[in-house]
């Protein structure tokens, strides 16, 4: 099992995380919505287990990254726009 550096996790660059998110979403768009959410959740849970981090800790760190001091960061507003336009 690989271990991850929690300091790096908590200091991840929003642009890089958003880019990785878009890559995953791009591949999921070929599936029905029910499968998209289950597939994304399965990847999240499996990665957390594989990397030795509680899923809730990874979830909390991600929520903190998505939401800046004045609301959702621009990088993640772009993901929302993509979801509304491409996966609607």
N, C-alpha and C. Protein backbone atom coordinates (compact mmCIF):
# COMPACT_ATOMS: atom_id res chain seq x y z
N UNK A 1 0.85 -1.18 0.00
CA UNK A 1 0.00 0.00 0.00
C UNK A 1 0.89 1.24 0.00
N UNK A 2 0.60 2.14 -0.90
CA UNK A 2 1.33 3.42 -0.95
C UNK A 2 0.78 4.34 0.12
N UNK A 3 1.63 5.13 0.68
CA UNK A 3 1.22 6.15 1.66
C UNK A 3 1.38 7.51 1.01
N UNK A 4 0.55 8.43 1.43
CA UNK A 4 0.66 9.76 0.87
C UNK A 4 1.11 10.74 1.94
N UNK A 5 1.64 11.84 1.49
CA UNK A 5 2.11 12.89 2.36
C UNK A 5 0.94 13.83 2.64
N UNK A 6 0.46 13.84 3.87
CA UNK A 6 -0.71 14.66 4.21
C UNK A 6 -0.43 16.16 4.09
N UNK A 7 0.82 16.57 4.29
CA UNK A 7 1.15 17.98 4.10
C UNK A 7 0.95 18.39 2.65
N UNK A 8 1.42 17.56 1.73
CA UNK A 8 1.23 17.84 0.30
C UNK A 8 -0.25 17.79 -0.05
N UNK A 9 -0.97 16.82 0.50
CA UNK A 9 -2.41 16.71 0.27
C UNK A 9 -3.12 18.00 0.65
N UNK A 10 -2.79 18.52 1.82
CA UNK A 10 -3.47 19.72 2.32
C UNK A 10 -2.97 21.02 1.69
N UNK A 11 -1.91 20.93 0.89
CA UNK A 11 -1.39 22.12 0.21
C UNK A 11 -1.48 21.97 -1.31
N UNK A 12 -2.33 21.08 -1.78
CA UNK A 12 -2.46 20.82 -3.22
C UNK A 12 -2.87 22.09 -3.96
N UNK A 13 -2.34 22.23 -5.16
CA UNK A 13 -2.67 23.39 -5.99
C UNK A 13 -4.06 23.22 -6.60
N UNK A 14 -4.95 24.19 -6.39
CA UNK A 14 -6.31 24.08 -6.94
C UNK A 14 -6.34 23.83 -8.44
N UNK A 15 -5.47 24.46 -9.20
CA UNK A 15 -5.46 24.28 -10.65
C UNK A 15 -5.14 22.83 -11.01
N UNK A 16 -4.19 22.23 -10.33
CA UNK A 16 -3.80 20.85 -10.61
C UNK A 16 -4.92 19.89 -10.23
N UNK A 17 -5.55 20.12 -9.09
CA UNK A 17 -6.65 19.26 -8.66
C UNK A 17 -7.84 19.41 -9.62
N UNK A 18 -8.13 20.63 -10.03
CA UNK A 18 -9.22 20.84 -10.99
C UNK A 18 -8.93 20.16 -12.31
N UNK A 19 -7.69 20.20 -12.76
CA UNK A 19 -7.30 19.54 -14.01
C UNK A 19 -7.49 18.02 -13.90
N UNK A 20 -7.09 17.45 -12.78
CA UNK A 20 -7.30 16.01 -12.56
C UNK A 20 -8.79 15.68 -12.53
N UNK A 21 -9.56 16.55 -11.90
CA UNK A 21 -11.02 16.35 -11.84
C UNK A 21 -11.64 16.36 -13.23
N UNK A 22 -11.21 17.30 -14.05
CA UNK A 22 -11.74 17.39 -15.42
C UNK A 22 -11.38 16.15 -16.23
N UNK A 23 -10.20 15.60 -16.00
CA UNK A 23 -9.78 14.38 -16.70
C UNK A 23 -10.71 13.23 -16.35
N UNK A 24 -11.03 13.08 -15.08
CA UNK A 24 -11.94 12.02 -14.65
C UNK A 24 -13.33 12.26 -15.22
N UNK A 25 -13.83 13.48 -15.11
CA UNK A 25 -15.17 13.79 -15.63
C UNK A 25 -15.27 13.55 -17.13
N UNK A 26 -14.23 13.89 -17.85
CA UNK A 26 -14.22 13.67 -19.29
C UNK A 26 -14.43 12.19 -19.61
N UNK A 27 -13.80 11.33 -18.86
CA UNK A 27 -13.94 9.89 -19.10
C UNK A 27 -15.29 9.36 -18.63
N UNK A 28 -15.87 9.97 -17.62
CA UNK A 28 -17.16 9.50 -17.09
C UNK A 28 -18.35 9.92 -17.94
N UNK A 29 -18.17 10.91 -18.81
CA UNK A 29 -19.33 11.45 -19.53
C UNK A 29 -19.98 10.44 -20.46
N UNK A 30 -19.32 9.35 -20.78
CA UNK A 30 -19.89 8.34 -21.67
C UNK A 30 -20.86 7.40 -20.95
N UNK A 31 -21.01 7.56 -19.64
CA UNK A 31 -21.87 6.68 -18.85
C UNK A 31 -23.12 7.41 -18.38
N UNK A 32 -24.15 6.66 -18.02
CA UNK A 32 -25.37 7.23 -17.47
C UNK A 32 -25.06 7.88 -16.12
N UNK A 33 -25.86 8.89 -15.72
CA UNK A 33 -25.61 9.61 -14.47
C UNK A 33 -25.48 8.70 -13.25
N UNK A 34 -26.30 7.68 -13.19
CA UNK A 34 -26.25 6.78 -12.04
C UNK A 34 -24.90 6.06 -11.95
N UNK A 35 -24.35 5.72 -13.10
CA UNK A 35 -23.06 5.04 -13.14
C UNK A 35 -21.92 6.04 -12.93
N UNK A 36 -22.09 7.27 -13.42
CA UNK A 36 -21.08 8.31 -13.22
C UNK A 36 -20.80 8.52 -11.73
N UNK A 37 -21.87 8.72 -10.95
CA UNK A 37 -21.67 9.01 -9.53
C UNK A 37 -21.12 7.80 -8.79
N UNK A 38 -21.60 6.62 -9.13
CA UNK A 38 -21.10 5.40 -8.48
C UNK A 38 -19.65 5.14 -8.88
N UNK A 39 -19.32 5.35 -10.14
CA UNK A 39 -17.94 5.16 -10.60
C UNK A 39 -16.99 6.13 -9.92
N UNK A 40 -17.38 7.40 -9.84
CA UNK A 40 -16.54 8.40 -9.19
C UNK A 40 -16.37 8.07 -7.70
N UNK A 41 -17.45 7.67 -7.05
CA UNK A 41 -17.37 7.32 -5.63
C UNK A 41 -16.50 6.08 -5.41
N UNK A 42 -16.61 5.11 -6.29
CA UNK A 42 -15.80 3.90 -6.16
C UNK A 42 -14.31 4.22 -6.31
N UNK A 43 -13.97 5.06 -7.28
CA UNK A 43 -12.57 5.46 -7.46
C UNK A 43 -12.08 6.19 -6.21
N UNK A 44 -12.86 7.10 -5.71
CA UNK A 44 -12.49 7.86 -4.51
C UNK A 44 -12.23 6.92 -3.33
N UNK A 45 -13.17 6.03 -3.08
CA UNK A 45 -13.03 5.12 -1.93
C UNK A 45 -11.85 4.17 -2.10
N UNK A 46 -11.68 3.64 -3.30
CA UNK A 46 -10.57 2.72 -3.54
C UNK A 46 -9.22 3.42 -3.44
N UNK A 47 -9.12 4.64 -3.98
CA UNK A 47 -7.88 5.40 -3.87
C UNK A 47 -7.54 5.72 -2.42
N UNK A 48 -8.54 6.14 -1.66
CA UNK A 48 -8.31 6.45 -0.24
C UNK A 48 -7.78 5.22 0.49
N UNK A 49 -8.39 4.09 0.26
CA UNK A 49 -7.93 2.86 0.91
C UNK A 49 -6.52 2.49 0.44
N UNK A 50 -6.31 2.56 -0.85
CA UNK A 50 -5.00 2.20 -1.42
C UNK A 50 -3.88 3.09 -0.87
N UNK A 51 -4.18 4.38 -0.68
CA UNK A 51 -3.17 5.33 -0.22
C UNK A 51 -3.11 5.46 1.30
N UNK A 52 -3.97 4.72 1.99
CA UNK A 52 -3.92 4.68 3.44
C UNK A 52 -4.41 5.93 4.14
N UNK A 53 -5.44 6.55 3.59
CA UNK A 53 -6.02 7.74 4.23
C UNK A 53 -7.51 7.49 4.41
N UNK A 54 -8.05 7.84 5.57
CA UNK A 54 -9.50 7.70 5.75
C UNK A 54 -10.24 8.55 4.70
N UNK A 55 -11.25 7.97 4.10
CA UNK A 55 -12.00 8.68 3.06
C UNK A 55 -12.53 10.01 3.57
N UNK A 56 -12.98 10.06 4.81
CA UNK A 56 -13.53 11.30 5.36
C UNK A 56 -12.46 12.40 5.44
N UNK A 57 -11.22 12.02 5.74
CA UNK A 57 -10.14 13.00 5.79
C UNK A 57 -9.85 13.57 4.39
N UNK A 58 -9.83 12.71 3.40
CA UNK A 58 -9.61 13.16 2.02
C UNK A 58 -10.77 14.03 1.57
N UNK A 59 -12.00 13.65 1.93
CA UNK A 59 -13.18 14.42 1.58
C UNK A 59 -13.11 15.83 2.19
N UNK A 60 -12.75 15.91 3.47
CA UNK A 60 -12.68 17.20 4.15
C UNK A 60 -11.60 18.09 3.53
N UNK A 61 -10.44 17.51 3.21
CA UNK A 61 -9.37 18.28 2.58
C UNK A 61 -9.81 18.81 1.22
N UNK A 62 -10.54 18.00 0.48
CA UNK A 62 -11.02 18.40 -0.84
C UNK A 62 -12.06 19.52 -0.73
N UNK A 63 -12.99 19.39 0.21
CA UNK A 63 -13.98 20.45 0.41
C UNK A 63 -13.29 21.77 0.77
N UNK A 64 -12.26 21.70 1.61
CA UNK A 64 -11.52 22.90 1.98
C UNK A 64 -10.81 23.51 0.77
N UNK A 65 -10.32 22.67 -0.13
CA UNK A 65 -9.64 23.16 -1.32
C UNK A 65 -10.63 23.81 -2.29
N UNK A 66 -11.78 23.18 -2.48
CA UNK A 66 -12.79 23.69 -3.41
C UNK A 66 -13.30 25.06 -2.97
N UNK A 67 -13.51 25.22 -1.68
CA UNK A 67 -14.09 26.45 -1.15
C UNK A 67 -13.01 27.36 -0.62
N UNK A 68 -12.79 28.46 -1.32
CA UNK A 68 -11.84 29.47 -0.88
C UNK A 68 -12.47 30.40 0.14
N UNK A 69 -11.77 31.47 0.44
CA UNK A 69 -12.26 32.42 1.45
C UNK A 69 -13.57 33.10 1.05
N UNK A 70 -13.80 33.27 -0.25
CA UNK A 70 -14.99 33.97 -0.71
C UNK A 70 -15.93 33.06 -1.52
N UNK A 71 -15.98 31.79 -1.16
CA UNK A 71 -16.85 30.85 -1.85
C UNK A 71 -16.05 29.89 -2.70
N UNK A 72 -16.73 29.28 -3.64
CA UNK A 72 -16.08 28.28 -4.49
C UNK A 72 -14.99 28.93 -5.34
N UNK A 73 -13.83 28.30 -5.35
CA UNK A 73 -12.70 28.82 -6.16
C UNK A 73 -13.06 28.77 -7.64
N UNK A 74 -12.47 29.69 -8.40
CA UNK A 74 -12.78 29.81 -9.82
C UNK A 74 -12.50 28.52 -10.58
N UNK A 75 -11.46 27.80 -10.22
CA UNK A 75 -11.14 26.55 -10.91
C UNK A 75 -12.28 25.54 -10.79
N UNK A 76 -12.95 25.56 -9.66
CA UNK A 76 -14.02 24.61 -9.43
C UNK A 76 -15.37 25.14 -9.92
N UNK A 77 -15.48 26.45 -10.07
CA UNK A 77 -16.66 27.00 -10.75
C UNK A 77 -16.64 26.59 -12.22
N UNK A 78 -15.45 26.48 -12.78
CA UNK A 78 -15.32 26.00 -14.16
C UNK A 78 -15.79 24.55 -14.27
N UNK A 79 -15.50 23.75 -13.26
CA UNK A 79 -15.98 22.36 -13.27
C UNK A 79 -17.50 22.33 -13.19
N UNK A 80 -18.08 23.18 -12.36
CA UNK A 80 -19.53 23.26 -12.27
C UNK A 80 -20.14 23.63 -13.62
N UNK A 81 -19.53 24.58 -14.30
CA UNK A 81 -20.01 24.99 -15.63
C UNK A 81 -19.91 23.82 -16.60
N UNK A 82 -18.83 23.08 -16.55
CA UNK A 82 -18.65 21.90 -17.41
C UNK A 82 -19.73 20.87 -17.12
N UNK A 83 -19.97 20.61 -15.86
CA UNK A 83 -21.02 19.65 -15.49
C UNK A 83 -22.38 20.09 -16.00
N UNK A 84 -22.68 21.37 -15.86
CA UNK A 84 -23.98 21.89 -16.34
C UNK A 84 -24.11 21.84 -17.85
N UNK A 85 -22.99 22.03 -18.54
CA UNK A 85 -23.03 22.05 -20.01
C UNK A 85 -22.85 20.72 -20.67
N UNK A 86 -22.02 19.86 -20.12
CA UNK A 86 -21.66 18.61 -20.77
C UNK A 86 -22.33 17.38 -20.18
N UNK A 87 -22.58 17.38 -18.89
CA UNK A 87 -23.13 16.18 -18.24
C UNK A 87 -24.58 16.39 -17.82
N UNK A 88 -25.19 17.48 -18.27
CA UNK A 88 -26.56 17.79 -17.86
C UNK A 88 -27.54 16.73 -18.33
